[in-house]
Amino acid sequence: MIRKLVSFIGDPANSKKVKKIGISMLIVTFISDFLVHREHVHYIWDRIPGWGAFYGFVSCVVIILASKFYGHQCRIMRDEDYYND
């Protein structure tokens, strides 16, 4: 079962299908957040529908950009054949 799933996702011919499935899952998750009853929240922004999805997406983008910045500017990143010499 897992082998079929991995080969389906890894096949370049199925890239459009995989992208559509992923986007539809994100949309369903975002819309389902509007159905949650928020009676007891700790922070005011927890009342905003879709806040968790938005916060998670922005956090992931910030982590990726910070990692790329540190890798390039602080010379942490190495070439592919760095250890082959």
PDB file of N, CA and C in Angstrom:
ATOM      1  N   MET A   1       0.822  -1.182   0.000  1.00  0.00           N
ATOM      2  CA  MET A   1       0.000   0.000   0.000  1.00  0.00           C
ATOM      3  C   MET A   1       0.871   1.253   0.000  1.00  0.00           C
ATOM      4  N   ILE A   2       1.849   1.308   0.915  1.00  0.00           N
ATOM      5  CA  ILE A   2       2.732   2.469   0.997  1.00  0.00           C
ATOM      6  C   ILE A   2       3.575   2.576  -0.264  1.00  0.00           C
ATOM      7  N   ARG A   3       4.021   1.448  -0.782  1.00  0.00           N
ATOM      8  CA  ARG A   3       4.848   1.459  -1.983  1.00  0.00           C
ATOM      9  C   ARG A   3       4.083   2.052  -3.164  1.00  0.00           C
ATOM     10  N   LYS A   4       2.799   1.705  -3.287  1.00  0.00           N
ATOM     11  CA  LYS A   4       1.973   2.261  -4.369  1.00  0.00           C
ATOM     12  C   LYS A   4       1.788   3.764  -4.193  1.00  0.00           C
ATOM     13  N   LEU A   5       1.573   4.185  -2.956  1.00  0.00           N
ATOM     14  CA  LEU A   5       1.387   5.607  -2.677  1.00  0.00           C
ATOM     15  C   LEU A   5       2.655   6.406  -2.983  1.00  0.00           C
ATOM     16  N   VAL A   6       3.798   5.888  -2.574  1.00  0.00           N
ATOM     17  CA  VAL A   6       5.069   6.577  -2.826  1.00  0.00           C
ATOM     18  C   VAL A   6       5.359   6.631  -4.319  1.00  0.00           C
ATOM     19  N   SER A   7       5.094   5.550  -5.049  1.00  0.00           N
ATOM     20  CA  SER A   7       5.329   5.595  -6.493  1.00  0.00           C
ATOM     21  C   SER A   7       4.347   6.510  -7.194  1.00  0.00           C
ATOM     22  N   PHE A   8       3.116   6.627  -6.685  1.00  0.00           N
ATOM     23  CA  PHE A   8       2.149   7.552  -7.274  1.00  0.00           C
ATOM     24  C   PHE A   8       2.597   8.998  -7.065  1.00  0.00           C
ATOM     25  N   ILE A   9       3.039   9.318  -5.852  1.00  0.00           N
ATOM     26  CA  ILE A   9       3.470  10.685  -5.559  1.00  0.00           C
ATOM     27  C   ILE A   9       4.771  11.019  -6.278  1.00  0.00           C
ATOM     28  N   GLY A  10       5.675  10.070  -6.374  1.00  0.00           N
ATOM     29  CA  GLY A  10       6.978  10.314  -6.992  1.00  0.00           C
ATOM     30  C   GLY A  10       6.973  10.323  -8.509  1.00  0.00           C
ATOM     31  N   ASP A  11       5.913   9.839  -9.132  1.00  0.00           N
ATOM     32  CA  ASP A  11       5.850   9.783 -10.592  1.00  0.00           C
ATOM     33  C   ASP A  11       5.592  11.178 -11.159  1.00  0.00           C
ATOM     34  N   PRO A  12       6.469  11.679 -12.028  1.00  0.00           N
ATOM     35  CA  PRO A  12       6.273  13.013 -12.603  1.00  0.00           C
ATOM     36  C   PRO A  12       4.986  13.140 -13.419  1.00  0.00           C
ATOM     37  N   ALA A  13       4.468  12.024 -13.923  1.00  0.00           N
ATOM     38  CA  ALA A  13       3.227  12.081 -14.698  1.00  0.00           C
ATOM     39  C   ALA A  13       2.029  12.431 -13.820  1.00  0.00           C
ATOM     40  N   ASN A  14       2.128  12.174 -12.524  1.00  0.00           N
ATOM     41  CA  ASN A  14       1.028  12.439 -11.598  1.00  0.00           C
ATOM     42  C   ASN A  14       1.185  13.754 -10.832  1.00  0.00           C
ATOM     43  N   SER A  15       2.131  14.592 -11.230  1.00  0.00           N
ATOM     44  CA  SER A  15       2.412  15.799 -10.447  1.00  0.00           C
ATOM     45  C   SER A  15       1.214  16.742 -10.374  1.00  0.00           C
ATOM     46  N   LYS A  16       0.451  16.867 -11.457  1.00  0.00           N
ATOM     47  CA  LYS A  16      -0.717  17.748 -11.444  1.00  0.00           C
ATOM     48  C   LYS A  16      -1.801  17.201 -10.509  1.00  0.00           C
ATOM     49  N   LYS A  17      -1.996  15.878 -10.529  1.00  0.00           N
ATOM     50  CA  LYS A  17      -2.984  15.258  -9.645  1.00  0.00           C
ATOM     51  C   LYS A  17      -2.589  15.441  -8.188  1.00  0.00           C
ATOM     52  N   VAL A  18      -1.306  15.231  -7.879  1.00  0.00           N
ATOM     53  CA  VAL A  18      -0.824  15.355  -6.507  1.00  0.00           C
ATOM     54  C   VAL A  18      -0.972  16.798  -6.037  1.00  0.00           C
ATOM     55  N   LYS A  19      -0.690  17.747  -6.910  1.00  0.00           N
ATOM     56  CA  LYS A  19      -0.829  19.159  -6.561  1.00  0.00           C
ATOM     57  C   LYS A  19      -2.291  19.515  -6.289  1.00  0.00           C
ATOM     58  N   LYS A  20      -3.204  19.019  -7.127  1.00  0.00           N
ATOM     59  CA  LYS A  20      -4.636  19.280  -6.920  1.00  0.00           C
ATOM     60  C   LYS A  20      -5.133  18.655  -5.622  1.00  0.00           C
ATOM     61  N   ILE A  21      -4.677  17.447  -5.320  1.00  0.00           N
ATOM     62  CA  ILE A  21      -5.072  16.780  -4.081  1.00  0.00           C
ATOM     63  C   ILE A  21      -4.564  17.563  -2.874  1.00  0.00           C
ATOM     64  N   GLY A  22      -3.322  18.002  -2.922  1.00  0.00           N
ATOM     65  CA  GLY A  22      -2.753  18.764  -1.814  1.00  0.00           C
ATOM     66  C   GLY A  22      -3.464  20.082  -1.584  1.00  0.00           C
ATOM     67  N   ILE A  23      -3.751  20.809  -2.663  1.00  0.00           N
ATOM     68  CA  ILE A  23      -4.447  22.089  -2.542  1.00  0.00           C
ATOM     69  C   ILE A  23      -5.860  21.880  -2.026  1.00  0.00           C
ATOM     70  N   SER A  24      -6.539  20.847  -2.503  1.00  0.00           N
ATOM     71  CA  SER A  24      -7.900  20.596  -2.024  1.00  0.00           C
ATOM     72  C   SER A  24      -7.897  20.205  -0.540  1.00  0.00           C
ATOM     73  N   MET A  25      -6.878  19.471  -0.084  1.00  0.00           N
ATOM     74  CA  MET A  25      -6.789  19.139   1.331  1.00  0.00           C
ATOM     75  C   MET A  25      -6.561  20.387   2.176  1.00  0.00           C
ATOM     76  N   LEU A  26      -5.743  21.304   1.696  1.00  0.00           N
ATOM     77  CA  LEU A  26      -5.525  22.556   2.408  1.00  0.00           C
ATOM     78  C   LEU A  26      -6.800  23.380   2.491  1.00  0.00           C
ATOM     79  N   ILE A  27      -7.557  23.428   1.398  1.00  0.00           N
ATOM     80  CA  ILE A  27      -8.808  24.190   1.381  1.00  0.00           C
ATOM     81  C   ILE A  27      -9.824  23.578   2.341  1.00  0.00           C
ATOM     82  N   VAL A  28      -9.939  22.260   2.342  1.00  0.00           N
ATOM     83  CA  VAL A  28     -10.881  21.593   3.246  1.00  0.00           C
ATOM     84  C   VAL A  28     -10.488  21.842   4.703  1.00  0.00           C
ATOM     85  N   THR A  29      -9.191  21.776   4.998  1.00  0.00           N
ATOM     86  CA  THR A  29      -8.727  22.040   6.364  1.00  0.00           C
ATOM     87  C   THR A  29      -9.032  23.469   6.779  1.00  0.00           C
ATOM     88  N   PHE A  30      -8.802  24.412   5.886  1.00  0.00           N
ATOM     89  CA  PHE A  30      -9.055  25.822   6.189  1.00  0.00           C
ATOM     90  C   PHE A  30     -10.548  26.071   6.406  1.00  0.00           C
ATOM     91  N   ILE A  31     -11.387  25.511   5.553  1.00  0.00           N
ATOM     92  CA  ILE A  31     -12.837  25.711   5.671  1.00  0.00           C
ATOM     93  C   ILE A  31     -13.372  25.028   6.930  1.00  0.00           C
ATOM     94  N   SER A  32     -12.840  23.875   7.279  1.00  0.00           N
ATOM     95  CA  SER A  32     -13.323  23.183   8.476  1.00  0.00           C
ATOM     96  C   SER A  32     -13.022  23.965   9.749  1.00  0.00           C
ATOM     97  N   ASP A  33     -12.037  24.840   9.695  1.00  0.00           N
ATOM     98  CA  ASP A  33     -11.727  25.664  10.862  1.00  0.00           C
ATOM     99  C   ASP A  33     -12.847  26.661  11.164  1.00  0.00           C
ATOM    100  N   PHE A  34     -13.673  26.992  10.179  1.00  0.00           N
ATOM    101  CA  PHE A  34     -14.800  27.888  10.395  1.00  0.00           C
ATOM    102  C   PHE A  34     -15.943  27.181  11.140  1.00  0.00           C
ATOM    103  N   LEU A  35     -15.918  25.869  11.202  1.00  0.00           N
ATOM    104  CA  LEU A  35     -16.976  25.102  11.852  1.00  0.00           C
ATOM    105  C   LEU A  35     -16.692  24.821  13.327  1.00  0.00           C
ATOM    106  N   VAL A  36     -15.513  25.204  13.794  1.00  0.00           N
ATOM    107  CA  VAL A  36     -15.118  24.937  15.172  1.00  0.00           C
ATOM    108  C   VAL A  36     -15.718  26.002  16.087  1.00  0.00           C
ATOM    109  N   HIS A  37     -16.313  25.550  17.197  1.00  0.00           N
ATOM    110  CA  HIS A  37     -16.883  26.481  18.174  1.00  0.00           C
ATOM    111  C   HIS A  37     -15.784  26.931  19.133  1.00  0.00           C
ATOM    112  N   ARG A  38     -15.537  28.227  19.196  1.00  0.00           N
ATOM    113  CA  ARG A  38     -14.474  28.775  20.033  1.00  0.00           C
ATOM    114  C   ARG A  38     -15.076  29.535  21.204  1.00  0.00           C
ATOM    115  N   GLU A  39     -15.319  28.836  22.274  1.00  0.00           N
ATOM    116  CA  GLU A  39     -15.915  29.475  23.441  1.00  0.00           C
ATOM    117  C   GLU A  39     -14.851  29.893  24.448  1.00  0.00           C
ATOM    118  N   HIS A  40     -13.927  29.003  24.753  1.00  0.00           N
ATOM    119  CA  HIS A  40     -12.894  29.288  25.747  1.00  0.00           C
ATOM    120  C   HIS A  40     -11.539  29.372  25.048  1.00  0.00           C
ATOM    121  N   VAL A  41     -11.128  30.582  24.733  1.00  0.00           N
ATOM    122  CA  VAL A  41      -9.824  30.772  24.089  1.00  0.00           C
ATOM    123  C   VAL A  41      -8.921  31.547  25.042  1.00  0.00           C
ATOM    124  N   HIS A  42      -7.631  31.310  24.921  1.00  0.00           N
ATOM    125  CA  HIS A  42      -6.669  32.004  25.783  1.00  0.00           C
ATOM    126  C   HIS A  42      -6.286  33.366  25.221  1.00  0.00           C
ATOM    127  N   TYR A  43      -6.154  33.458  23.907  1.00  0.00           N
ATOM    128  CA  TYR A  43      -5.725  34.697  23.265  1.00  0.00           C
ATOM    129  C   TYR A  43      -6.787  35.144  22.268  1.00  0.00           C
ATOM    130  N   ILE A  44      -6.840  36.438  22.027  1.00  0.00           N
ATOM    131  CA  ILE A  44      -7.880  36.999  21.170  1.00  0.00           C
ATOM    132  C   ILE A  44      -7.756  36.493  19.728  1.00  0.00           C
ATOM    133  N   TRP A  45      -6.532  36.278  19.254  1.00  0.00           N
ATOM    134  CA  TRP A  45      -6.362  35.826  17.875  1.00  0.00           C
ATOM    135  C   TRP A  45      -6.794  34.376  17.670  1.00  0.00           C
ATOM    136  N   ASP A  46      -6.981  33.632  18.743  1.00  0.00           N
ATOM    137  CA  ASP A  46      -7.480  32.264  18.615  1.00  0.00           C
ATOM    138  C   ASP A  46      -8.937  32.218  18.166  1.00  0.00           C
ATOM    139  N   ARG A  47      -9.635  33.332  18.266  1.00  0.00           N
ATOM    140  CA  ARG A  47     -11.026  33.402  17.810  1.00  0.00           C
ATOM    141  C   ARG A  47     -11.138  33.561  16.291  1.00  0.00           C
ATOM    142  N   ILE A  48     -10.059  33.968  15.635  1.00  0.00           N
ATOM    143  CA  ILE A  48     -10.088  34.212  14.195  1.00  0.00           C
ATOM    144  C   ILE A  48     -10.089  32.876  13.452  1.00  0.00           C
ATOM    145  N   PRO A  49     -11.111  32.621  12.631  1.00  0.00           N
ATOM    146  CA  PRO A  49     -11.122  31.377  11.851  1.00  0.00           C
ATOM    147  C   PRO A  49      -9.970  31.366  10.838  1.00  0.00           C
ATOM    148  N   GLY A  50      -9.288  30.256  10.768  1.00  0.00           N
ATOM    149  CA  GLY A  50      -8.180  30.118   9.834  1.00  0.00           C
ATOM    150  C   GLY A  50      -6.858  30.628  10.380  1.00  0.00           C
ATOM    151  N   TRP A  51      -6.842  31.078  11.630  1.00  0.00           N
ATOM    152  CA  TRP A  51      -5.623  31.635  12.197  1.00  0.00           C
ATOM    153  C   TRP A  51      -4.514  30.585  12.288  1.00  0.00           C
ATOM    154  N   GLY A  52      -4.846  29.390  12.706  1.00  0.00           N
ATOM    155  CA  GLY A  52      -3.828  28.346  12.839  1.00  0.00           C
ATOM    156  C   GLY A  52      -3.182  28.002  11.504  1.00  0.00           C
ATOM    157  N   ALA A  53      -3.982  27.913  10.451  1.00  0.00           N
ATOM    158  CA  ALA A  53      -3.443  27.614   9.125  1.00  0.00           C
ATOM    159  C   ALA A  53      -2.563  28.751   8.634  1.00  0.00           C
ATOM    160  N   PHE A  54      -3.022  29.979   8.835  1.00  0.00           N
ATOM    161  CA  PHE A  54      -2.245  31.144   8.402  1.00  0.00           C
ATOM    162  C   PHE A  54      -0.934  31.239   9.174  1.00  0.00           C
ATOM    163  N   TYR A  55      -1.003  31.080  10.483  1.00  0.00           N
ATOM    164  CA  TYR A  55       0.181  31.164  11.333  1.00  0.00           C
ATOM    165  C   TYR A  55       1.184  30.057  10.983  1.00  0.00           C
ATOM    166  N   GLY A  56       0.689  28.855  10.763  1.00  0.00           N
ATOM    167  CA  GLY A  56       1.565  27.750  10.395  1.00  0.00           C
ATOM    168  C   GLY A  56       2.250  27.972   9.063  1.00  0.00           C
ATOM    169  N   PHE A  57       1.498  28.481   8.081  1.00  0.00           N
ATOM    170  CA  PHE A  57       2.076  28.737   6.761  1.00  0.00           C
ATOM    171  C   PHE A  57       3.149  29.816   6.835  1.00  0.00           C
ATOM    172  N   VAL A  58       2.834  30.921   7.503  1.00  0.00           N
ATOM    173  CA  VAL A  58       3.802  32.015   7.624  1.00  0.00           C
ATOM    174  C   VAL A  58       5.038  31.552   8.396  1.00  0.00           C
ATOM    175  N   SER A  59       4.851  30.756   9.439  1.00  0.00           N
ATOM    176  CA  SER A  59       5.991  30.252  10.206  1.00  0.00           C
ATOM    177  C   SER A  59       6.900  29.377   9.353  1.00  0.00           C
ATOM    178  N   CYS A  60       6.325  28.517   8.539  1.00  0.00           N
ATOM    179  CA  CYS A  60       7.131  27.658   7.663  1.00  0.00           C
ATOM    180  C   CYS A  60       7.920  28.481   6.649  1.00  0.00           C
ATOM    181  N   VAL A  61       7.284  29.501   6.081  1.00  0.00           N
ATOM    182  CA  VAL A  61       7.977  30.360   5.114  1.00  0.00           C
ATOM    183  C   VAL A  61       9.133  31.090   5.792  1.00  0.00           C
ATOM    184  N   VAL A  62       8.915  31.602   7.000  1.00  0.00           N
ATOM    185  CA  VAL A  62       9.973  32.313   7.722  1.00  0.00           C
ATOM    186  C   VAL A  62      11.133  31.375   8.046  1.00  0.00           C
ATOM    187  N   ILE A  63      10.832  30.145   8.459  1.00  0.00           N
ATOM    188  CA  ILE A  63      11.894  29.179   8.769  1.00  0.00           C
ATOM    189  C   ILE A  63      12.716  28.864   7.524  1.00  0.00           C
ATOM    190  N   ILE A  64      12.054  28.673   6.390  1.00  0.00           N
ATOM    191  CA  ILE A  64      12.765  28.370   5.144  1.00  0.00           C
ATOM    192  C   ILE A  64      13.635  29.541   4.720  1.00  0.00           C
ATOM    193  N   LEU A  65      13.090  30.758   4.761  1.00  0.00           N
ATOM    194  CA  LEU A  65      13.869  31.932   4.351  1.00  0.00           C
ATOM    195  C   LEU A  65      15.046  32.175   5.296  1.00  0.00           C
ATOM    196  N   ALA A  66      14.844  32.009   6.593  1.00  0.00           N
ATOM    197  CA  ALA A  66      15.940  32.191   7.549  1.00  0.00           C
ATOM    198  C   ALA A  66      17.023  31.137   7.334  1.00  0.00           C
ATOM    199  N   SER A  67      16.631  29.901   7.059  1.00  0.00           N
ATOM    200  CA  SER A  67      17.611  28.837   6.818  1.00  0.00           C
ATOM    201  C   SER A  67      18.424  29.110   5.562  1.00  0.00           C
ATOM    202  N   LYS A  68      17.757  29.562   4.520  1.00  0.00           N
ATOM    203  CA  LYS A  68      18.480  29.896   3.288  1.00  0.00           C
ATOM    204  C   LYS A  68      19.422  31.074   3.516  1.00  0.00           C
ATOM    205  N   PHE A  69      18.971  32.074   4.273  1.00  0.00           N
ATOM    206  CA  PHE A  69      19.826  33.235   4.554  1.00  0.00           C
ATOM    207  C   PHE A  69      21.075  32.800   5.318  1.00  0.00           C
ATOM    208  N   TYR A  70      20.893  32.030   6.391  1.00  0.00           N
ATOM    209  CA  TYR A  70      22.037  31.570   7.163  1.00  0.00           C
ATOM    210  C   TYR A  70      22.957  30.675   6.343  1.00  0.00           C
ATOM    211  N   GLY A  71      22.382  29.848   5.511  1.00  0.00           N
ATOM    212  CA  GLY A  71      23.190  28.948   4.704  1.00  0.00           C
ATOM    213  C   GLY A  71      24.062  29.687   3.710  1.00  0.00           C
ATOM    214  N   HIS A  72      23.529  30.726   3.098  1.00  0.00           N
ATOM    215  CA  HIS A  72      24.286  31.453   2.081  1.00  0.00           C
ATOM    216  C   HIS A  72      25.161  32.553   2.693  1.00  0.00           C
ATOM    217  N   GLN A  73      24.642  33.329   3.605  1.00  0.00           N
ATOM    218  CA  GLN A  73      25.377  34.479   4.144  1.00  0.00           C
ATOM    219  C   GLN A  73      26.435  34.071   5.169  1.00  0.00           C
ATOM    220  N   CYS A  74      26.164  33.060   5.947  1.00  0.00           N
ATOM    221  CA  CYS A  74      27.123  32.634   6.978  1.00  0.00           C
ATOM    222  C   CYS A  74      28.027  31.518   6.476  1.00  0.00           C
ATOM    223  N   ARG A  75      27.938  31.198   5.227  1.00  0.00           N
ATOM    224  CA  ARG A  75      28.769  30.184   4.561  1.00  0.00           C
ATOM    225  C   ARG A  75      28.683  28.811   5.230  1.00  0.00           C
ATOM    226  N   ILE A  76      27.485  28.475   5.692  1.00  0.00           N
ATOM    227  CA  ILE A  76      27.266  27.151   6.266  1.00  0.00           C
ATOM    228  C   ILE A  76      27.045  26.139   5.141  1.00  0.00           C
ATOM    229  N   MET A  77      26.416  26.581   4.073  1.00  0.00           N
ATOM    230  CA  MET A  77      26.094  25.701   2.958  1.00  0.00           C
ATOM    231  C   MET A  77      27.358  25.400   2.144  1.00  0.00           C
ATOM    232  N   ARG A  78      27.512  24.175   1.752  1.00  0.00           N
ATOM    233  CA  ARG A  78      28.686  23.742   0.986  1.00  0.00           C
ATOM    234  C   ARG A  78      28.238  23.205  -0.379  1.00  0.00           C
ATOM    235  N   ASP A  79      29.181  23.140  -1.295  1.00  0.00           N
ATOM    236  CA  ASP A  79      28.886  22.564  -2.609  1.00  0.00           C
ATOM    237  C   ASP A  79      28.617  21.076  -2.470  1.00  0.00           C
ATOM    238  N   GLU A  80      28.022  20.513  -3.518  1.00  0.00           N
ATOM    239  CA  GLU A  80      27.668  19.098  -3.487  1.00  0.00           C
ATOM    240  C   GLU A  80      28.893  18.194  -3.338  1.00  0.00           C
ATOM    241  N   ASP A  81      29.970  18.540  -3.983  1.00  0.00           N
ATOM    242  CA  ASP A  81      31.172  17.684  -3.968  1.00  0.00           C
ATOM    243  C   ASP A  81      32.229  18.197  -2.984  1.00  0.00           C
ATOM    244  N   TYR A  82      31.813  18.852  -1.936  1.00  0.00           N
ATOM    245  CA  TYR A  82      32.741  19.446  -0.966  1.00  0.00           C
ATOM    246  C   TYR A  82      33.607  18.387  -0.287  1.00  0.00           C
ATOM    247  N   TYR A  83      33.028  17.249   0.071  1.00  0.00           N
ATOM    248  CA  TYR A  83      33.762  16.220   0.797  1.00  0.00           C
ATOM    249  C   TYR A  83      34.433  15.201  -0.126  1.00  0.00           C
ATOM    250  N   ASN A  84      34.309  15.349  -1.425  1.00  0.00           N
ATOM    251  CA  ASN A  84      34.882  14.372  -2.359  1.00  0.00           C
ATOM    252  C   ASN A  84      36.354  14.599  -2.630  1.00  0.00           C
ATOM    253  N   ASP A  85      36.929  15.690  -2.207  1.00  0.00           N
ATOM    254  CA  ASP A  85      38.342  15.966  -2.485  1.00  0.00           C
ATOM    255  C   ASP A  85      39.286  15.177  -1.641  1.00  0.00           C
TER     256      ASP A  85
END
